[in-house]
Amino acid sequence: MRKEAQRSSDRDRLDLEVAAADALELARRMAPGPERNEALKLASALRCSADERGVLFAKRGRPRK
């Protein structure tokens, strides 16, 4: 992978992590109810997609998270 592409994917991953953290914070501040549940599900989905874009080449001998 070229360095420019790697930097771009790192920025994308960080942007997703920030978006997931913001969504989780907003969902936690909402009043209990179905809207809050949907917001928490969205925050979880954002976190999962950020985790999927994690480290491509793990250190030798360590399993990928």
PDB file of N, CA and C in Angstrom:
ATOM      1  N   MET A   1       0.840  -1.168   0.000  1.00  0.00           N
ATOM      2  CA  MET A   1       0.000   0.000   0.000  1.00  0.00           C
ATOM      3  C   MET A   1       0.891   1.239   0.000  1.00  0.00           C
ATOM      4  N   ARG A   2       0.573   2.193  -0.836  1.00  0.00           N
ATOM      5  CA  ARG A   2       1.371   3.405  -0.896  1.00  0.00           C
ATOM      6  C   ARG A   2       1.136   4.255   0.349  1.00  0.00           C
ATOM      7  N   LYS A   3       2.114   5.098   0.665  1.00  0.00           N
ATOM      8  CA  LYS A   3       2.037   5.904   1.882  1.00  0.00           C
ATOM      9  C   LYS A   3       0.867   6.870   1.848  1.00  0.00           C
ATOM     10  N   GLU A   4       0.569   7.462   0.668  1.00  0.00           N
ATOM     11  CA  GLU A   4      -0.551   8.405   0.582  1.00  0.00           C
ATOM     12  C   GLU A   4      -1.868   7.693   0.871  1.00  0.00           C
ATOM     13  N   ALA A   5      -2.017   6.507   0.316  1.00  0.00           N
ATOM     14  CA  ALA A   5      -3.236   5.740   0.533  1.00  0.00           C
ATOM     15  C   ALA A   5      -3.351   5.320   1.993  1.00  0.00           C
ATOM     16  N   GLN A   6      -2.225   4.962   2.604  1.00  0.00           N
ATOM     17  CA  GLN A   6      -2.249   4.553   4.002  1.00  0.00           C
ATOM     18  C   GLN A   6      -2.628   5.730   4.887  1.00  0.00           C
ATOM     19  N   ARG A   7      -2.075   6.898   4.610  1.00  0.00           N
ATOM     20  CA  ARG A   7      -2.416   8.087   5.402  1.00  0.00           C
ATOM     21  C   ARG A   7      -3.883   8.418   5.254  1.00  0.00           C
ATOM     22  N   SER A   8      -4.406   8.282   4.048  1.00  0.00           N
ATOM     23  CA  SER A   8      -5.810   8.561   3.802  1.00  0.00           C
ATOM     24  C   SER A   8      -6.697   7.598   4.589  1.00  0.00           C
ATOM     25  N   SER A   9      -6.344   6.317   4.597  1.00  0.00           N
ATOM     26  CA  SER A   9      -7.143   5.342   5.333  1.00  0.00           C
ATOM     27  C   SER A   9      -7.025   5.571   6.838  1.00  0.00           C
ATOM     28  N   ASP A  10      -5.863   6.013   7.306  1.00  0.00           N
ATOM     29  CA  ASP A  10      -5.715   6.333   8.723  1.00  0.00           C
ATOM     30  C   ASP A  10      -6.615   7.503   9.103  1.00  0.00           C
ATOM     31  N   ARG A  11      -6.652   8.522   8.238  1.00  0.00           N
ATOM     32  CA  ARG A  11      -7.519   9.668   8.509  1.00  0.00           C
ATOM     33  C   ARG A  11      -8.979   9.256   8.495  1.00  0.00           C
ATOM     34  N   ASP A  12      -9.362   8.394   7.550  1.00  0.00           N
ATOM     35  CA  ASP A  12     -10.744   7.917   7.482  1.00  0.00           C
ATOM     36  C   ASP A  12     -11.117   7.164   8.747  1.00  0.00           C
ATOM     37  N   ARG A  13     -10.196   6.319   9.219  1.00  0.00           N
ATOM     38  CA  ARG A  13     -10.464   5.541  10.430  1.00  0.00           C
ATOM     39  C   ARG A  13     -10.616   6.457  11.634  1.00  0.00           C
ATOM     40  N   LEU A  14      -9.740   7.455  11.735  1.00  0.00           N
ATOM     41  CA  LEU A  14      -9.826   8.392  12.847  1.00  0.00           C
ATOM     42  C   LEU A  14     -11.114   9.207  12.779  1.00  0.00           C
ATOM     43  N   ASP A  15     -11.521   9.596  11.568  1.00  0.00           N
ATOM     44  CA  ASP A  15     -12.776  10.326  11.411  1.00  0.00           C
ATOM     45  C   ASP A  15     -13.961   9.479  11.858  1.00  0.00           C
ATOM     46  N   LEU A  16     -13.936   8.191  11.517  1.00  0.00           N
ATOM     47  CA  LEU A  16     -15.013   7.299  11.948  1.00  0.00           C
ATOM     48  C   LEU A  16     -15.016   7.122  13.458  1.00  0.00           C
ATOM     49  N   GLU A  17     -13.838   7.030  14.057  1.00  0.00           N
ATOM     50  CA  GLU A  17     -13.760   6.889  15.513  1.00  0.00           C
ATOM     51  C   GLU A  17     -14.323   8.124  16.207  1.00  0.00           C
ATOM     52  N   VAL A  18     -14.002   9.305  15.681  1.00  0.00           N
ATOM     53  CA  VAL A  18     -14.513  10.551  16.265  1.00  0.00           C
ATOM     54  C   VAL A  18     -16.020  10.616  16.096  1.00  0.00           C
ATOM     55  N   ALA A  19     -16.520  10.261  14.921  1.00  0.00           N
ATOM     56  CA  ALA A  19     -17.963  10.278  14.677  1.00  0.00           C
ATOM     57  C   ALA A  19     -18.681   9.299  15.615  1.00  0.00           C
ATOM     58  N   ALA A  20     -18.088   8.133  15.833  1.00  0.00           N
ATOM     59  CA  ALA A  20     -18.699   7.141  16.722  1.00  0.00           C
ATOM     60  C   ALA A  20     -18.719   7.638  18.159  1.00  0.00           C
ATOM     61  N   ALA A  21     -17.644   8.267  18.598  1.00  0.00           N
ATOM     62  CA  ALA A  21     -17.599   8.790  19.966  1.00  0.00           C
ATOM     63  C   ALA A  21     -18.614   9.913  20.148  1.00  0.00           C
ATOM     64  N   ASP A  22     -18.736  10.793  19.161  1.00  0.00           N
ATOM     65  CA  ASP A  22     -19.716  11.877  19.233  1.00  0.00           C
ATOM     66  C   ASP A  22     -21.142  11.338  19.253  1.00  0.00           C
ATOM     67  N   ALA A  23     -21.415  10.346  18.406  1.00  0.00           N
ATOM     68  CA  ALA A  23     -22.753   9.759  18.358  1.00  0.00           C
ATOM     69  C   ALA A  23     -23.100   9.085  19.675  1.00  0.00           C
ATOM     70  N   LEU A  24     -22.128   8.416  20.281  1.00  0.00           N
ATOM     71  CA  LEU A  24     -22.378   7.755  21.562  1.00  0.00           C
ATOM     72  C   LEU A  24     -22.648   8.776  22.654  1.00  0.00           C
ATOM     73  N   GLU A  25     -21.891   9.850  22.654  1.00  0.00           N
ATOM     74  CA  GLU A  25     -22.094  10.889  23.662  1.00  0.00           C
ATOM     75  C   GLU A  25     -23.477  11.519  23.524  1.00  0.00           C
ATOM     76  N   LEU A  26     -23.883  11.819  22.305  1.00  0.00           N
ATOM     77  CA  LEU A  26     -25.215  12.400  22.089  1.00  0.00           C
ATOM     78  C   LEU A  26     -26.321  11.433  22.481  1.00  0.00           C
ATOM     79  N   ALA A  27     -26.142  10.161  22.167  1.00  0.00           N
ATOM     80  CA  ALA A  27     -27.158   9.160  22.500  1.00  0.00           C
ATOM     81  C   ALA A  27     -27.293   9.003  24.011  1.00  0.00           C
ATOM     82  N   ARG A  28     -26.190   9.062  24.726  1.00  0.00           N
ATOM     83  CA  ARG A  28     -26.253   8.923  26.184  1.00  0.00           C
ATOM     84  C   ARG A  28     -26.965  10.088  26.847  1.00  0.00           C
ATOM     85  N   ARG A  29     -26.931  11.260  26.211  1.00  0.00           N
ATOM     86  CA  ARG A  29     -27.587  12.443  26.776  1.00  0.00           C
ATOM     87  C   ARG A  29     -29.080  12.483  26.509  1.00  0.00           C
ATOM     88  N   MET A  30     -29.547  11.655  25.589  1.00  0.00           N
ATOM     89  CA  MET A  30     -30.972  11.645  25.237  1.00  0.00           C
ATOM     90  C   MET A  30     -31.789  11.006  26.352  1.00  0.00           C
ATOM     91  N   ALA A  31     -33.065  11.396  26.381  1.00  0.00           N
ATOM     92  CA  ALA A  31     -33.992  10.800  27.345  1.00  0.00           C
ATOM     93  C   ALA A  31     -34.273   9.353  26.930  1.00  0.00           C
ATOM     94  N   PRO A  32     -34.537   8.475  27.916  1.00  0.00           N
ATOM     95  CA  PRO A  32     -34.836   7.079  27.579  1.00  0.00           C
ATOM     96  C   PRO A  32     -36.030   6.974  26.640  1.00  0.00           C
ATOM     97  N   GLY A  33     -35.939   6.055  25.719  1.00  0.00           N
ATOM     98  CA  GLY A  33     -37.028   5.849  24.769  1.00  0.00           C
ATOM     99  C   GLY A  33     -36.525   5.223  23.491  1.00  0.00           C
ATOM    100  N   PRO A  34     -37.418   5.039  22.526  1.00  0.00           N
ATOM    101  CA  PRO A  34     -37.026   4.377  21.281  1.00  0.00           C
ATOM    102  C   PRO A  34     -36.014   5.186  20.459  1.00  0.00           C
ATOM    103  N   GLU A  35     -36.084   6.514  20.515  1.00  0.00           N
ATOM    104  CA  GLU A  35     -35.128   7.336  19.769  1.00  0.00           C
ATOM    105  C   GLU A  35     -33.708   7.137  20.308  1.00  0.00           C
ATOM    106  N   ARG A  36     -33.611   7.047  21.641  1.00  0.00           N
ATOM    107  CA  ARG A  36     -32.300   6.825  22.250  1.00  0.00           C
ATOM    108  C   ARG A  36     -31.753   5.452  21.876  1.00  0.00           C
ATOM    109  N   ASN A  37     -32.630   4.449  21.867  1.00  0.00           N
ATOM    110  CA  ASN A  37     -32.195   3.100  21.492  1.00  0.00           C
ATOM    111  C   ASN A  37     -31.653   3.071  20.072  1.00  0.00           C
ATOM    112  N   GLU A  38     -32.338   3.745  19.154  1.00  0.00           N
ATOM    113  CA  GLU A  38     -31.873   3.793  17.770  1.00  0.00           C
ATOM    114  C   GLU A  38     -30.548   4.546  17.667  1.00  0.00           C
ATOM    115  N   ALA A  39     -30.397   5.618  18.438  1.00  0.00           N
ATOM    116  CA  ALA A  39     -29.150   6.381  18.421  1.00  0.00           C
ATOM    117  C   ALA A  39     -27.995   5.546  18.964  1.00  0.00           C
ATOM    118  N   LEU A  40     -28.248   4.748  19.991  1.00  0.00           N
ATOM    119  CA  LEU A  40     -27.208   3.864  20.527  1.00  0.00           C
ATOM    120  C   LEU A  40     -26.825   2.782  19.521  1.00  0.00           C
ATOM    121  N   LYS A  41     -27.813   2.256  18.779  1.00  0.00           N
ATOM    122  CA  LYS A  41     -27.518   1.265  17.755  1.00  0.00           C
ATOM    123  C   LYS A  41     -26.666   1.870  16.644  1.00  0.00           C
ATOM    124  N   LEU A  42     -26.973   3.117  16.264  1.00  0.00           N
ATOM    125  CA  LEU A  42     -26.191   3.787  15.234  1.00  0.00           C
ATOM    126  C   LEU A  42     -24.760   4.015  15.709  1.00  0.00           C
ATOM    127  N   ALA A  43     -24.601   4.439  16.958  1.00  0.00           N
ATOM    128  CA  ALA A  43     -23.262   4.652  17.513  1.00  0.00           C
ATOM    129  C   ALA A  43     -22.473   3.339  17.531  1.00  0.00           C
ATOM    130  N   SER A  44     -23.147   2.252  17.856  1.00  0.00           N
ATOM    131  CA  SER A  44     -22.485   0.946  17.857  1.00  0.00           C
ATOM    132  C   SER A  44     -22.060   0.543  16.446  1.00  0.00           C
ATOM    133  N   ALA A  45     -22.914   0.799  15.464  1.00  0.00           N
ATOM    134  CA  ALA A  45     -22.581   0.463  14.078  1.00  0.00           C
ATOM    135  C   ALA A  45     -21.388   1.289  13.598  1.00  0.00           C
ATOM    136  N   LEU A  46     -21.339   2.561  13.976  1.00  0.00           N
ATOM    137  CA  LEU A  46     -20.207   3.404  13.609  1.00  0.00           C
ATOM    138  C   LEU A  46     -18.921   2.894  14.252  1.00  0.00           C
ATOM    139  N   ARG A  47     -19.003   2.475  15.495  1.00  0.00           N
ATOM    140  CA  ARG A  47     -17.824   1.950  16.191  1.00  0.00           C
ATOM    141  C   ARG A  47     -17.330   0.667  15.511  1.00  0.00           C
ATOM    142  N   CYS A  48     -18.250  -0.191  15.123  1.00  0.00           N
ATOM    143  CA  CYS A  48     -17.865  -1.441  14.455  1.00  0.00           C
ATOM    144  C   CYS A  48     -17.198  -1.165  13.114  1.00  0.00           C
ATOM    145  N   SER A  49     -17.725  -0.208  12.371  1.00  0.00           N
ATOM    146  CA  SER A  49     -17.114   0.088  11.076  1.00  0.00           C
ATOM    147  C   SER A  49     -15.737   0.722  11.252  1.00  0.00           C
ATOM    148  N   ALA A  50     -15.558   1.489  12.322  1.00  0.00           N
ATOM    149  CA  ALA A  50     -14.230   2.058  12.595  1.00  0.00           C
ATOM    150  C   ALA A  50     -13.257   0.953  12.991  1.00  0.00           C
ATOM    151  N   ASP A  51     -13.736  -0.018  13.757  1.00  0.00           N
ATOM    152  CA  ASP A  51     -12.876  -1.130  14.167  1.00  0.00           C
ATOM    153  C   ASP A  51     -12.476  -2.004  12.978  1.00  0.00           C
ATOM    154  N   GLU A  52     -13.373  -2.151  12.000  1.00  0.00           N
ATOM    155  CA  GLU A  52     -13.069  -2.952  10.822  1.00  0.00           C
ATOM    156  C   GLU A  52     -11.924  -2.355  10.017  1.00  0.00           C
ATOM    157  N   ARG A  53     -11.770  -1.057  10.087  1.00  0.00           N
ATOM    158  CA  ARG A  53     -10.700  -0.386   9.353  1.00  0.00           C
ATOM    159  C   ARG A  53      -9.440  -0.270  10.183  1.00  0.00           C
ATOM    160  N   GLY A  54      -9.292  -1.136  11.160  1.00  0.00           N
ATOM    161  CA  GLY A  54      -8.151  -1.108  12.067  1.00  0.00           C
ATOM    162  C   GLY A  54      -6.835  -1.405  11.368  1.00  0.00           C
ATOM    163  N   VAL A  55      -5.870  -1.811  12.125  1.00  0.00           N
ATOM    164  CA  VAL A  55      -4.526  -2.072  11.632  1.00  0.00           C
ATOM    165  C   VAL A  55      -4.577  -3.173  10.574  1.00  0.00           C
ATOM    166  N   LEU A  56      -3.997  -2.885   9.412  1.00  0.00           N
ATOM    167  CA  LEU A  56      -4.000  -3.878   8.335  1.00  0.00           C
ATOM    168  C   LEU A  56      -2.917  -4.918   8.524  1.00  0.00           C
ATOM    169  N   PHE A  57      -1.761  -4.497   9.001  1.00  0.00           N
ATOM    170  CA  PHE A  57      -0.650  -5.406   9.193  1.00  0.00           C
ATOM    171  C   PHE A  57      -0.273  -5.391  10.666  1.00  0.00           C
ATOM    172  N   ALA A  58      -0.747  -6.403  11.391  1.00  0.00           N
ATOM    173  CA  ALA A  58      -0.468  -6.493  12.817  1.00  0.00           C
ATOM    174  C   ALA A  58       0.989  -6.861  13.041  1.00  0.00           C
ATOM    175  N   LYS A  59       1.452  -6.613  14.253  1.00  0.00           N
ATOM    176  CA  LYS A  59       2.822  -6.997  14.596  1.00  0.00           C
ATOM    177  C   LYS A  59       2.944  -8.514  14.546  1.00  0.00           C
ATOM    178  N   ARG A  60       4.106  -8.970  14.248  1.00  0.00           N
ATOM    179  CA  ARG A  60       4.346 -10.383  14.109  1.00  0.00           C
ATOM    180  C   ARG A  60       4.095 -11.098  15.427  1.00  0.00           C
ATOM    181  N   GLY A  61       3.324 -12.187  15.368  1.00  0.00           N
ATOM    182  CA  GLY A  61       3.064 -12.971  16.552  1.00  0.00           C
ATOM    183  C   GLY A  61       1.841 -12.540  17.339  1.00  0.00           C
ATOM    184  N   ARG A  62       1.214 -11.427  16.939  1.00  0.00           N
ATOM    185  CA  ARG A  62       0.019 -10.979  17.646  1.00  0.00           C
ATOM    186  C   ARG A  62      -1.187 -11.141  16.751  1.00  0.00           C
ATOM    187  N   PRO A  63      -2.289 -11.664  17.278  1.00  0.00           N
ATOM    188  CA  PRO A  63      -3.476 -11.800  16.448  1.00  0.00           C
ATOM    189  C   PRO A  63      -4.114 -10.439  16.182  1.00  0.00           C
ATOM    190  N   ARG A  64      -4.774 -10.314  15.055  1.00  0.00           N
ATOM    191  CA  ARG A  64      -5.462  -9.071  14.719  1.00  0.00           C
ATOM    192  C   ARG A  64      -6.707  -8.943  15.582  1.00  0.00           C
ATOM    193  N   LYS A  65      -6.937  -7.753  16.088  1.00  0.00           N
ATOM    194  CA  LYS A  65      -8.121  -7.534  16.944  1.00  0.00           C
ATOM    195  C   LYS A  65      -9.357  -7.440  16.120  1.00  0.00           C
TER     196      LYS A  65
END
